[in-house]
PDB file of N, CA and C in Angstrom:
ATOM      1  N   MET A   1     105.037 110.038 110.673  1.00  0.00           N
ATOM      2  CA  MET A   1     105.863 110.716 109.690  1.00  0.00           C
ATOM      3  C   MET A   1     107.163 109.940 109.510  1.00  0.00           C
ATOM      4  N   SER A   2     107.551 109.741 108.278  1.00  0.00           N
ATOM      5  CA  SER A   2     108.833 109.084 108.025  1.00  0.00           C
ATOM      6  C   SER A   2     109.872 110.133 107.657  1.00  0.00           C
ATOM      7  N   TYR A   3     111.103 109.829 107.985  1.00  0.00           N
ATOM      8  CA  TYR A   3     112.222 110.689 107.603  1.00  0.00           C
ATOM      9  C   TYR A   3     112.672 110.340 106.188  1.00  0.00           C
ATOM     10  N   CYS A   4     112.640 109.062 105.881  1.00  0.00           N
ATOM     11  CA  CYS A   4     112.961 108.590 104.530  1.00  0.00           C
ATOM     12  C   CYS A   4     112.371 107.203 104.355  1.00  0.00           C
ATOM     13  N   ARG A   5     112.172 106.846 103.090  1.00  0.00           N
ATOM     14  CA  ARG A   5     111.627 105.543 102.718  1.00  0.00           C
ATOM     15  C   ARG A   5     112.503 104.961 101.616  1.00  0.00           C
ATOM     16  N   TRP A   6     112.244 103.700 101.282  1.00  0.00           N
ATOM     17  CA  TRP A   6     113.006 103.066 100.199  1.00  0.00           C
ATOM     18  C   TRP A   6     112.917 103.910  98.929  1.00  0.00           C
ATOM     19  N   SER A   7     111.779 104.564  98.718  1.00  0.00           N
ATOM     20  CA  SER A   7     111.562 105.333  97.491  1.00  0.00           C
ATOM     21  C   SER A   7     112.254 106.696  97.505  1.00  0.00           C
ATOM     22  N   SER A   8     112.785 107.125  98.643  1.00  0.00           N
ATOM     23  CA  SER A   8     113.473 108.420  98.703  1.00  0.00           C
ATOM     24  C   SER A   8     114.691 108.422  97.783  1.00  0.00           C
ATOM     25  N   ASP A   9     115.043 109.583  97.298  1.00  0.00           N
ATOM     26  CA  ASP A   9     116.168 109.731  96.363  1.00  0.00           C
ATOM     27  C   ASP A   9     116.009 108.823  95.144  1.00  0.00           C
ATOM     28  N   ASN A  10     114.802 108.805  94.600  1.00  0.00           N
ATOM     29  CA  ASN A  10     114.492 108.003  93.410  1.00  0.00           C
ATOM     30  C   ASN A  10     114.882 106.531  93.591  1.00  0.00           C
ATOM     31  N   TRP A  11     114.429 105.977  94.715  1.00  0.00           N
ATOM     32  CA  TRP A  11     114.596 104.556  95.029  1.00  0.00           C
ATOM     33  C   TRP A  11     116.041 104.160  95.349  1.00  0.00           C
ATOM     34  N   LYS A  12     116.872 105.122  95.743  1.00  0.00           N
ATOM     35  CA  LYS A  12     118.262 104.800  96.093  1.00  0.00           C
ATOM     36  C   LYS A  12     118.477 104.711  97.599  1.00  0.00           C
ATOM     37  N   CYS A  13     117.454 105.006  98.376  1.00  0.00           N
ATOM     38  CA  CYS A  13     117.588 105.029  99.830  1.00  0.00           C
ATOM     39  C   CYS A  13     117.664 103.613 100.391  1.00  0.00           C
ATOM     40  N   ASP A  14     118.635 103.387 101.274  1.00  0.00           N
ATOM     41  CA  ASP A  14     118.820 102.086 101.905  1.00  0.00           C
ATOM     42  C   ASP A  14     118.097 101.962 103.246  1.00  0.00           C
ATOM     43  N   LEU A  15     117.472 103.049 103.699  1.00  0.00           N
ATOM     44  CA  LEU A  15     116.842 103.056 105.018  1.00  0.00           C
ATOM     45  C   LEU A  15     115.378 103.469 104.935  1.00  0.00           C
ATOM     46  N   TYR A  16     114.602 102.969 105.870  1.00  0.00           N
ATOM     47  CA  TYR A  16     113.240 103.426 106.093  1.00  0.00           C
ATOM     48  C   TYR A  16     113.204 103.815 107.563  1.00  0.00           C
ATOM     49  N   CYS A  17     113.064 105.118 107.841  1.00  0.00           N
ATOM     50  CA  CYS A  17     113.190 105.641 109.199  1.00  0.00           C
ATOM     51  C   CYS A  17     111.960 106.445 109.588  1.00  0.00           C
ATOM     52  N   TYR A  18     111.511 106.241 110.823  1.00  0.00           N
ATOM     53  CA  TYR A  18     110.341 106.966 111.310  1.00  0.00           C
ATOM     54  C   TYR A  18     110.305 106.937 112.835  1.00  0.00           C
ATOM     55  N   GLU A  19     109.530 107.869 113.402  1.00  0.00           N
ATOM     56  CA  GLU A  19     109.269 107.836 114.830  1.00  0.00           C
ATOM     57  C   GLU A  19     108.115 106.865 115.047  1.00  0.00           C
ATOM     58  N   HIS A  20     108.353 105.855 115.844  1.00  0.00           N
ATOM     59  CA  HIS A  20     107.368 104.796 116.082  1.00  0.00           C
ATOM     60  C   HIS A  20     106.370 105.257 117.142  1.00  0.00           C
ATOM     61  N   VAL A  21     105.189 104.673 117.120  1.00  0.00           N
ATOM     62  CA  VAL A  21     104.168 105.013 118.119  1.00  0.00           C
ATOM     63  C   VAL A  21     104.596 104.635 119.535  1.00  0.00           C
ATOM     64  N   ASP A  22     105.587 103.753 119.673  1.00  0.00           N
ATOM     65  CA  ASP A  22     106.061 103.376 121.004  1.00  0.00           C
ATOM     66  C   ASP A  22     107.060 104.379 121.576  1.00  0.00           C
ATOM     67  N   GLY A  23     107.320 105.482 120.832  1.00  0.00           N
ATOM     68  CA  GLY A  23     108.213 106.523 121.327  1.00  0.00           C
ATOM     69  C   GLY A  23     109.661 106.343 120.940  1.00  0.00           C
ATOM     70  N   THR A  24     109.976 105.314 120.154  1.00  0.00           N
ATOM     71  CA  THR A  24     111.349 105.120 119.691  1.00  0.00           C
ATOM     72  C   THR A  24     111.468 105.621 118.254  1.00  0.00           C
ATOM     73  N   TRP A  25     112.701 105.724 117.795  1.00  0.00           N
ATOM     74  CA  TRP A  25     112.974 106.056 116.396  1.00  0.00           C
ATOM     75  C   TRP A  25     113.444 104.764 115.735  1.00  0.00           C
ATOM     76  N   THR A  26     112.690 104.334 114.736  1.00  0.00           N
ATOM     77  CA  THR A  26     112.909 103.034 114.108  1.00  0.00           C
ATOM     78  C   THR A  26     113.613 103.202 112.768  1.00  0.00           C
ATOM     79  N   THR A  27     114.595 102.349 112.544  1.00  0.00           N
ATOM     80  CA  THR A  27     115.327 102.321 111.279  1.00  0.00           C
ATOM     81  C   THR A  27     115.332 100.894 110.754  1.00  0.00           C
ATOM     82  N   HIS A  28     114.747 100.703 109.570  1.00  0.00           N
ATOM     83  CA  HIS A  28     114.822  99.427 108.871  1.00  0.00           C
ATOM     84  C   HIS A  28     115.907  99.581 107.805  1.00  0.00           C
ATOM     85  N   VAL A  29     116.845  98.662 107.772  1.00  0.00           N
ATOM     86  CA  VAL A  29     117.944  98.688 106.824  1.00  0.00           C
ATOM     87  C   VAL A  29     117.633  97.710 105.693  1.00  0.00           C
ATOM     88  N   ALA A  30     117.773  98.162 104.458  1.00  0.00           N
ATOM     89  CA  ALA A  30     117.473  97.319 103.297  1.00  0.00           C
ATOM     90  C   ALA A  30     118.393  96.106 103.234  1.00  0.00           C
ATOM     91  N   ARG A  31     117.870  95.038 102.640  1.00  0.00           N
ATOM     92  CA  ARG A  31     118.657  93.820 102.386  1.00  0.00           C
ATOM     93  C   ARG A  31     119.327  93.873 101.019  1.00  0.00           C
ATOM     94  N   ASN A  32     118.718  94.651 100.104  1.00  0.00           N
ATOM     95  CA  ASN A  32     119.243  94.687  98.738  1.00  0.00           C
ATOM     96  C   ASN A  32     118.993  96.060  98.121  1.00  0.00           C
ATOM     97  N   ARG A  33     119.608  96.257  96.966  1.00  0.00           N
ATOM     98  CA  ARG A  33     119.473  97.509  96.210  1.00  0.00           C
ATOM     99  C   ARG A  33     119.032  97.200  94.794  1.00  0.00           C
ATOM    100  N   ILE A  34     118.321  98.138  94.214  1.00  0.00           N
ATOM    101  CA  ILE A  34     117.906  98.042  92.820  1.00  0.00           C
ATOM    102  C   ILE A  34     119.122  98.301  91.937  1.00  0.00           C
ATOM    103  N   VAL A  35     119.280  97.492  90.907  1.00  0.00           N
ATOM    104  CA  VAL A  35     120.365  97.675  89.950  1.00  0.00           C
ATOM    105  C   VAL A  35     119.857  98.593  88.837  1.00  0.00           C
ATOM    106  N   GLY A  36     120.626  99.608  88.510  1.00  0.00           N
ATOM    107  CA  GLY A  36     120.247 100.535  87.453  1.00  0.00           C
ATOM    108  C   GLY A  36     119.526 101.753  87.987  1.00  0.00           C
ATOM    109  N   GLU A  37     119.085 102.577  87.058  1.00  0.00           N
ATOM    110  CA  GLU A  37     118.414 103.835  87.395  1.00  0.00           C
ATOM    111  C   GLU A  37     116.917 103.718  87.158  1.00  0.00           C
ATOM    112  N   VAL A  38     116.146 103.958  88.188  1.00  0.00           N
ATOM    113  CA  VAL A  38     114.689 103.970  88.065  1.00  0.00           C
ATOM    114  C   VAL A  38     114.309 105.253  87.323  1.00  0.00           C
ATOM    115  N   PRO A  39     113.434 105.170  86.321  1.00  0.00           N
ATOM    116  CA  PRO A  39     112.994 106.395  85.642  1.00  0.00           C
ATOM    117  C   PRO A  39     112.414 107.383  86.657  1.00  0.00           C
ATOM    118  N   GLU A  40     112.836 108.611  86.547  1.00  0.00           N
ATOM    119  CA  GLU A  40     112.417 109.658  87.493  1.00  0.00           C
ATOM    120  C   GLU A  40     110.922 109.926  87.387  1.00  0.00           C
ATOM    121  N   GLU A  41     110.275 110.014  88.539  1.00  0.00           N
ATOM    122  CA  GLU A  41     108.853 110.369  88.560  1.00  0.00           C
ATOM    123  C   GLU A  41     108.715 111.885  88.616  1.00  0.00           C
ATOM    124  N   ALA A  42     107.744 112.406  87.894  1.00  0.00           N
ATOM    125  CA  ALA A  42     107.448 113.840  87.952  1.00  0.00           C
ATOM    126  C   ALA A  42     106.907 114.187  89.331  1.00  0.00           C
ATOM    127  N   ASP A  43     107.063 115.434  89.724  1.00  0.00           N
ATOM    128  CA  ASP A  43     106.528 115.902  91.000  1.00  0.00           C
ATOM    129  C   ASP A  43     105.022 116.066  90.866  1.00  0.00           C
ATOM    130  N   ILE A  44     104.297 115.318  91.662  1.00  0.00           N
ATOM    131  CA  ILE A  44     102.836 115.303  91.565  1.00  0.00           C
ATOM    132  C   ILE A  44     102.215 116.675  91.786  1.00  0.00           C
ATOM    133  N   LEU A  45     102.919 117.552  92.499  1.00  0.00           N
ATOM    134  CA  LEU A  45     102.391 118.888  92.778  1.00  0.00           C
ATOM    135  C   LEU A  45     102.723 119.904  91.682  1.00  0.00           C
ATOM    136  N   GLU A  46     103.560 119.495  90.726  1.00  0.00           N
ATOM    137  CA  GLU A  46     104.030 120.465  89.740  1.00  0.00           C
ATOM    138  C   GLU A  46     103.618 120.170  88.301  1.00  0.00           C
ATOM    139  N   VAL A  47     103.002 119.023  88.061  1.00  0.00           N
ATOM    140  CA  VAL A  47     102.643 118.673  86.684  1.00  0.00           C
ATOM    141  C   VAL A  47     101.182 118.222  86.633  1.00  0.00           C
ATOM    142  N   PRO A  48     100.594 118.234  85.448  1.00  0.00           N
ATOM    143  CA  PRO A  48      99.227 117.704  85.323  1.00  0.00           C
ATOM    144  C   PRO A  48      99.172 116.232  85.741  1.00  0.00           C
ATOM    145  N   ALA A  49      98.012 115.811  86.220  1.00  0.00           N
ATOM    146  CA  ALA A  49      97.836 114.442  86.724  1.00  0.00           C
ATOM    147  C   ALA A  49      98.232 113.392  85.698  1.00  0.00           C
ATOM    148  N   GLU A  50      97.896 113.633  84.441  1.00  0.00           N
ATOM    149  CA  GLU A  50      98.214 112.646  83.394  1.00  0.00           C
ATOM    150  C   GLU A  50      99.723 112.478  83.233  1.00  0.00           C
ATOM    151  N   GLU A  51     100.452 113.570  83.323  1.00  0.00           N
ATOM    152  CA  GLU A  51     101.910 113.512  83.185  1.00  0.00           C
ATOM    153  C   GLU A  51     102.525 112.764  84.369  1.00  0.00           C
ATOM    154  N   TRP A  52     102.018 113.058  85.562  1.00  0.00           N
ATOM    155  CA  TRP A  52     102.522 112.345  86.734  1.00  0.00           C
ATOM    156  C   TRP A  52     102.202 110.855  86.613  1.00  0.00           C
ATOM    157  N   ALA A  53     100.977 110.511  86.235  1.00  0.00           N
ATOM    158  CA  ALA A  53     100.565 109.110  86.122  1.00  0.00           C
ATOM    159  C   ALA A  53     101.443 108.353  85.132  1.00  0.00           C
ATOM    160  N   ALA A  54     101.777 108.990  84.034  1.00  0.00           N
ATOM    161  CA  ALA A  54     102.631 108.337  83.031  1.00  0.00           C
ATOM    162  C   ALA A  54     104.031 108.104  83.586  1.00  0.00           C
ATOM    163  N   SER A  55     104.581 109.088  84.283  1.00  0.00           N
ATOM    164  CA  SER A  55     105.928 108.927  84.840  1.00  0.00           C
ATOM    165  C   SER A  55     105.928 107.884  85.956  1.00  0.00           C
ATOM    166  N   HIS A  56     104.862 107.854  86.732  1.00  0.00           N
ATOM    167  CA  HIS A  56     104.748 106.866  87.805  1.00  0.00           C
ATOM    168  C   HIS A  56     104.649 105.448  87.221  1.00  0.00           C
ATOM    169  N   ALA A  57     103.843 105.285  86.182  1.00  0.00           N
ATOM    170  CA  ALA A  57     103.693 103.978  85.539  1.00  0.00           C
ATOM    171  C   ALA A  57     105.034 103.488  84.991  1.00  0.00           C
ATOM    172  N   LYS A  58     105.805 104.393  84.407  1.00  0.00           N
ATOM    173  CA  LYS A  58     107.112 104.031  83.857  1.00  0.00           C
ATOM    174  C   LYS A  58     108.063 103.572  84.975  1.00  0.00           C
ATOM    175  N   ALA A  59     108.059 104.299  86.083  1.00  0.00           N
ATOM    176  CA  ALA A  59     108.911 103.926  87.217  1.00  0.00           C
ATOM    177  C   ALA A  59     108.488 102.582  87.793  1.00  0.00           C
ATOM    178  N   MET A  60     107.188 102.366  87.958  1.00  0.00           N
ATOM    179  CA  MET A  60     106.698 101.111  88.525  1.00  0.00           C
ATOM    180  C   MET A  60     106.989  99.923  87.601  1.00  0.00           C
ATOM    181  N   ALA A  61     106.883 100.137  86.302  1.00  0.00           N
ATOM    182  CA  ALA A  61     107.203  99.067  85.353  1.00  0.00           C
ATOM    183  C   ALA A  61     108.672  98.669  85.491  1.00  0.00           C
ATOM    184  N   TYR A  62     109.544  99.665  85.624  1.00  0.00           N
ATOM    185  CA  TYR A  62     110.964  99.368  85.807  1.00  0.00           C
ATOM    186  C   TYR A  62     111.175  98.579  87.106  1.00  0.00           C
ATOM    187  N   LEU A  63     110.552  99.048  88.183  1.00  0.00           N
ATOM    188  CA  LEU A  63     110.730  98.402  89.481  1.00  0.00           C
ATOM    189  C   LEU A  63     110.217  96.964  89.488  1.00  0.00           C
ATOM    190  N   ASN A  64     109.149  96.700  88.760  1.00  0.00           N
ATOM    191  CA  ASN A  64     108.577  95.354  88.723  1.00  0.00           C
ATOM    192  C   ASN A  64     109.494  94.336  88.060  1.00  0.00           C
ATOM    193  N   SER A  65     110.399  94.799  87.216  1.00  0.00           N
ATOM    194  CA  SER A  65     111.291  93.858  86.542  1.00  0.00           C
ATOM    195  C   SER A  65     112.773  94.083  86.877  1.00  0.00           C
ATOM    196  N   ALA A  66     113.040  95.007  87.774  1.00  0.00           N
ATOM    197  CA  ALA A  66     114.431  95.365  88.075  1.00  0.00           C
ATOM    198  C   ALA A  66     115.173  94.248  88.804  1.00  0.00           C
ATOM    199  N   GLU A  67     116.432  94.153  88.494  1.00  0.00           N
ATOM    200  CA  GLU A  67     117.321  93.249  89.220  1.00  0.00           C
ATOM    201  C   GLU A  67     117.652  93.885  90.566  1.00  0.00           C
ATOM    202  N   HIS A  68     117.801  93.054  91.587  1.00  0.00           N
ATOM    203  CA  HIS A  68     118.219  93.514  92.910  1.00  0.00           C
ATOM    204  C   HIS A  68     119.498  92.773  93.293  1.00  0.00           C
ATOM    205  N   ARG A  69     120.377  93.483  93.977  1.00  0.00           N
ATOM    206  CA  ARG A  69     121.607  92.863  94.485  1.00  0.00           C
ATOM    207  C   ARG A  69     121.640  92.985  95.990  1.00  0.00           C
ATOM    208  N   ASP A  70     122.039  91.896  96.645  1.00  0.00           N
ATOM    209  CA  ASP A  70     122.170  91.922  98.100  1.00  0.00           C
ATOM    210  C   ASP A  70     123.174  92.993  98.515  1.00  0.00           C
ATOM    211  N   ILE A  71     122.889  93.650  99.612  1.00  0.00           N
ATOM    212  CA  ILE A  71     123.827  94.598 100.208  1.00  0.00           C
ATOM    213  C   ILE A  71     124.763  93.787 101.091  1.00  0.00           C
ATOM    214  N   GLU A  72     126.034  93.893 100.816  1.00  0.00           N
ATOM    215  CA  GLU A  72     127.016  93.125 101.567  1.00  0.00           C
ATOM    216  C   GLU A  72     127.746  94.026 102.551  1.00  0.00           C
ATOM    217  N   LEU A  73     126.953  94.606 103.449  1.00  0.00           N
ATOM    218  CA  LEU A  73     127.471  95.449 104.527  1.00  0.00           C
ATOM    219  C   LEU A  73     126.894  94.932 105.838  1.00  0.00           C
ATOM    220  N   PRO A  74     127.564  95.233 106.951  1.00  0.00           N
ATOM    221  CA  PRO A  74     126.968  94.871 108.235  1.00  0.00           C
ATOM    222  C   PRO A  74     125.584  95.511 108.377  1.00  0.00           C
ATOM    223  N   TYR A  75     124.689  94.832 109.020  1.00  0.00           N
ATOM    224  CA  TYR A  75     123.334  95.302 109.368  1.00  0.00           C
ATOM    225  C   TYR A  75     122.322  95.229 108.227  1.00  0.00           C
ATOM    226  N   ALA A  76     122.684  94.733 107.056  1.00  0.00           N
ATOM    227  CA  ALA A  76     121.706  94.602 105.966  1.00  0.00           C
ATOM    228  C   ALA A  76     120.543  93.739 106.452  1.00  0.00           C
ATOM    229  N   GLY A  77     119.324  94.249 106.281  1.00  0.00           N
ATOM    230  CA  GLY A  77     118.129  93.529 106.685  1.00  0.00           C
ATOM    231  C   GLY A  77     117.765  93.670 108.157  1.00  0.00           C
ATOM    232  N   LYS A  78     118.512  94.440 108.904  1.00  0.00           N
ATOM    233  CA  LYS A  78     118.261  94.588 110.344  1.00  0.00           C
ATOM    234  C   LYS A  78     117.326  95.763 110.617  1.00  0.00           C
ATOM    235  N   THR A  79     116.749  95.760 111.815  1.00  0.00           N
ATOM    236  CA  THR A  79     115.920  96.854 112.302  1.00  0.00           C
ATOM    237  C   THR A  79     116.482  97.333 113.632  1.00  0.00           C
ATOM    238  N   PHE A  80     116.526  98.650 113.794  1.00  0.00           N
ATOM    239  CA  PHE A  80     117.005  99.259 115.031  1.00  0.00           C
ATOM    240  C   PHE A  80     115.912 100.127 115.619  1.00  0.00           C
ATOM    241  N   LYS A  81     115.880 100.184 116.947  1.00  0.00           N
ATOM    242  CA  LYS A  81     114.970 101.078 117.660  1.00  0.00           C
ATOM    243  C   LYS A  81     115.813 101.888 118.629  1.00  0.00           C
ATOM    244  N   ASP A  82     115.867 103.193 118.403  1.00  0.00           N
ATOM    245  CA  ASP A  82     116.660 104.070 119.265  1.00  0.00           C
ATOM    246  C   ASP A  82     115.742 104.848 120.196  1.00  0.00           C
ATOM    247  N   PRO A  83     116.156 105.005 121.465  1.00  0.00           N
ATOM    248  CA  PRO A  83     115.282 105.627 122.454  1.00  0.00           C
ATOM    249  C   PRO A  83     115.210 107.158 122.386  1.00  0.00           C
ATOM    250  N   THR A  84     116.182 107.789 121.733  1.00  0.00           N
ATOM    251  CA  THR A  84     116.216 109.253 121.666  1.00  0.00           C
ATOM    252  C   THR A  84     116.587 109.709 120.262  1.00  0.00           C
ATOM    253  N   LEU A  85     116.273 110.968 119.977  1.00  0.00           N
ATOM    254  CA  LEU A  85     116.689 111.548 118.689  1.00  0.00           C
ATOM    255  C   LEU A  85     118.207 111.553 118.552  1.00  0.00           C
ATOM    256  N   GLU A  86     118.896 111.826 119.646  1.00  0.00           N
ATOM    257  CA  GLU A  86     120.358 111.853 119.602  1.00  0.00           C
ATOM    258  C   GLU A  86     120.922 110.479 119.250  1.00  0.00           C
ATOM    259  N   ALA A  87     120.366 109.433 119.853  1.00  0.00           N
ATOM    260  CA  ALA A  87     120.811 108.070 119.541  1.00  0.00           C
ATOM    261  C   ALA A  87     120.465 107.712 118.095  1.00  0.00           C
ATOM    262  N   PHE A  88     119.299 108.157 117.640  1.00  0.00           N
ATOM    263  CA  PHE A  88     118.883 107.945 116.246  1.00  0.00           C
ATOM    264  C   PHE A  88     119.875 108.606 115.293  1.00  0.00           C
ATOM    265  N   LYS A  89     120.262 109.841 115.587  1.00  0.00           N
ATOM    266  CA  LYS A  89     121.227 110.545 114.733  1.00  0.00           C
ATOM    267  C   LYS A  89     122.559 109.791 114.700  1.00  0.00           C
ATOM    268  N   GLU A  90     123.020 109.318 115.844  1.00  0.00           N
ATOM    269  CA  GLU A  90     124.267 108.554 115.882  1.00  0.00           C
ATOM    270  C   GLU A  90     124.159 107.284 115.039  1.00  0.00           C
ATOM    271  N   ARG A  91     123.008 106.639 115.095  1.00  0.00           N
ATOM    272  CA  ARG A  91     122.770 105.438 114.283  1.00  0.00           C
ATOM    273  C   ARG A  91     122.887 105.784 112.798  1.00  0.00           C
ATOM    274  N   LEU A  92     122.227 106.874 112.393  1.00  0.00           N
ATOM    275  CA  LEU A  92     122.283 107.294 110.987  1.00  0.00           C
ATOM    276  C   LEU A  92     123.714 107.572 110.553  1.00  0.00           C
ATOM    277  N   LEU A  93     124.463 108.277 111.378  1.00  0.00           N
ATOM    278  CA  LEU A  93     125.858 108.596 111.042  1.00  0.00           C
ATOM    279  C   LEU A  93     126.704 107.334 110.930  1.00  0.00           C
ATOM    280  N   MET A  94     126.471 106.370 111.824  1.00  0.00           N
ATOM    281  CA  MET A  94     127.207 105.111 111.769  1.00  0.00           C
ATOM    282  C   MET A  94     126.872 104.352 110.491  1.00  0.00           C
ATOM    283  N   LEU A  95     125.588 104.288 110.149  1.00  0.00           N
ATOM    284  CA  LEU A  95     125.197 103.569 108.938  1.00  0.00           C
ATOM    285  C   LEU A  95     125.748 104.240 107.684  1.00  0.00           C
ATOM    286  N   ARG A  96     125.738 105.564 107.645  1.00  0.00           N
ATOM    287  CA  ARG A  96     126.318 106.268 106.498  1.00  0.00           C
ATOM    288  C   ARG A  96     127.814 105.997 106.406  1.00  0.00           C
ATOM    289  N   ALA A  97     128.501 106.004 107.541  1.00  0.00           N
ATOM    290  CA  ALA A  97     129.952 105.816 107.551  1.00  0.00           C
ATOM    291  C   ALA A  97     130.364 104.449 106.989  1.00  0.00           C
ATOM    292  N   ILE A  98     129.497 103.441 107.138  1.00  0.00           N
ATOM    293  CA  ILE A  98     129.878 102.122 106.623  1.00  0.00           C
ATOM    294  C   ILE A  98     129.351 101.860 105.211  1.00  0.00           C
ATOM    295  N   GLY A  99     128.614 102.842 104.644  1.00  0.00           N
ATOM    296  CA  GLY A  99     128.265 102.723 103.235  1.00  0.00           C
ATOM    297  C   GLY A  99     126.794 102.734 102.865  1.00  0.00           C
ATOM    298  N   TYR A 100     125.908 102.960 103.824  1.00  0.00           N
ATOM    299  CA  TYR A 100     124.483 103.028 103.495  1.00  0.00           C
ATOM    300  C   TYR A 100     124.123 104.419 102.981  1.00  0.00           C
ATOM    301  N   HIS A 101     123.161 104.452 102.063  1.00  0.00           N
ATOM    302  CA  HIS A 101     122.730 105.705 101.445  1.00  0.00           C
ATOM    303  C   HIS A 101     121.370 106.130 101.982  1.00  0.00           C
ATOM    304  N   PHE A 102     121.262 107.417 102.298  1.00  0.00           N
ATOM    305  CA  PHE A 102     119.989 108.056 102.604  1.00  0.00           C
ATOM    306  C   PHE A 102     120.168 109.547 102.329  1.00  0.00           C
ATOM    307  N   PRO A 103     119.069 110.272 102.104  1.00  0.00           N
ATOM    308  CA  PRO A 103     119.177 111.689 101.737  1.00  0.00           C
ATOM    309  C   PRO A 103     119.763 112.539 102.862  1.00  0.00           C
ATOM    310  N   ASP A 104     120.539 113.548 102.478  1.00  0.00           N
ATOM    311  CA  ASP A 104     121.131 114.468 103.450  1.00  0.00           C
ATOM    312  C   ASP A 104     120.079 115.181 104.286  1.00  0.00           C
ATOM    313  N   TYR A 105     118.900 115.424 103.692  1.00  0.00           N
ATOM    314  CA  TYR A 105     117.883 116.170 104.433  1.00  0.00           C
ATOM    315  C   TYR A 105     117.421 115.449 105.698  1.00  0.00           C
ATOM    316  N   VAL A 106     117.647 114.152 105.783  1.00  0.00           N
ATOM    317  CA  VAL A 106     117.246 113.411 106.984  1.00  0.00           C
ATOM    318  C   VAL A 106     118.015 113.932 108.192  1.00  0.00           C
ATOM    319  N   LEU A 107     119.318 114.068 108.055  1.00  0.00           N
ATOM    320  CA  LEU A 107     120.126 114.581 109.166  1.00  0.00           C
ATOM    321  C   LEU A 107     119.745 116.015 109.506  1.00  0.00           C
ATOM    322  N   ALA A 108     119.444 116.817 108.495  1.00  0.00           N
ATOM    323  CA  ALA A 108     119.030 118.205 108.745  1.00  0.00           C
ATOM    324  C   ALA A 108     117.724 118.233 109.542  1.00  0.00           C
ATOM    325  N   GLU A 109     116.774 117.370 109.196  1.00  0.00           N
ATOM    326  CA  GLU A 109     115.497 117.310 109.928  1.00  0.00           C
ATOM    327  C   GLU A 109     115.719 116.860 111.365  1.00  0.00           C
ATOM    328  N   VAL A 110     116.560 115.865 111.569  1.00  0.00           N
ATOM    329  CA  VAL A 110     116.847 115.387 112.922  1.00  0.00           C
ATOM    330  C   VAL A 110     117.506 116.500 113.731  1.00  0.00           C
ATOM    331  N   ASP A 111     118.466 117.210 113.133  1.00  0.00           N
ATOM    332  CA  ASP A 111     119.122 118.321 113.845  1.00  0.00           C
ATOM    333  C   ASP A 111     118.110 119.385 114.250  1.00  0.00           C
ATOM    334  N   GLU A 112     117.173 119.711 113.371  1.00  0.00           N
ATOM    335  CA  GLU A 112     116.142 120.702 113.691  1.00  0.00           C
ATOM    336  C   GLU A 112     115.271 120.212 114.855  1.00  0.00           C
ATOM    337  N   GLU A 113     114.907 118.955 114.842  1.00  0.00           N
ATOM    338  CA  GLU A 113     114.090 118.417 115.944  1.00  0.00           C
ATOM    339  C   GLU A 113     114.855 118.421 117.261  1.00  0.00           C
ATOM    340  N   ILE A 114     116.136 118.119 117.210  1.00  0.00           N
ATOM    341  CA  ILE A 114     116.955 118.142 118.434  1.00  0.00           C
ATOM    342  C   ILE A 114     116.989 119.562 118.989  1.00  0.00           C
ATOM    343  N   LYS A 115     117.144 120.556 118.126  1.00  0.00           N
ATOM    344  CA  LYS A 115     117.171 121.962 118.575  1.00  0.00           C
ATOM    345  C   LYS A 115     115.862 122.371 119.240  1.00  0.00           C
ATOM    346  N   ARG A 116     114.744 121.826 118.766  1.00  0.00           N
ATOM    347  CA  ARG A 116     113.440 122.198 119.310  1.00  0.00           C
ATOM    348  C   ARG A 116     113.101 121.518 120.635  1.00  0.00           C
ATOM    349  N   GLN A 117     113.913 120.577 121.050  1.00  0.00           N
ATOM    350  CA  GLN A 117     113.613 119.858 122.306  1.00  0.00           C
ATOM    351  C   GLN A 117     113.771 120.757 123.516  1.00  0.00           C
TER     352      GLN A 117
END
């Protein structure tokens, strides 16, 4: 299960985070960002398949030709492996504090998992 992917928040997410099979929490930090706004994809669970397919095709066409700009922040392109959920949360907070973007729900999910430990 991933907490977030590059495609999260309509392709604005700078992190790809998941619990690794080795028992660590892995965070891949993007090297670059898409310039401009990716056309929003319809929710596959809420619209007919044809409508979703059309919105997906439009988004993919944009992504295939989109300009990318390097992220000029510390840790761009790096990967981290944290041994605990608490360390993972601290990593996320540090990355957000220096300017990386990821959805707020990621921290909420991590907090819920910490409570269940």
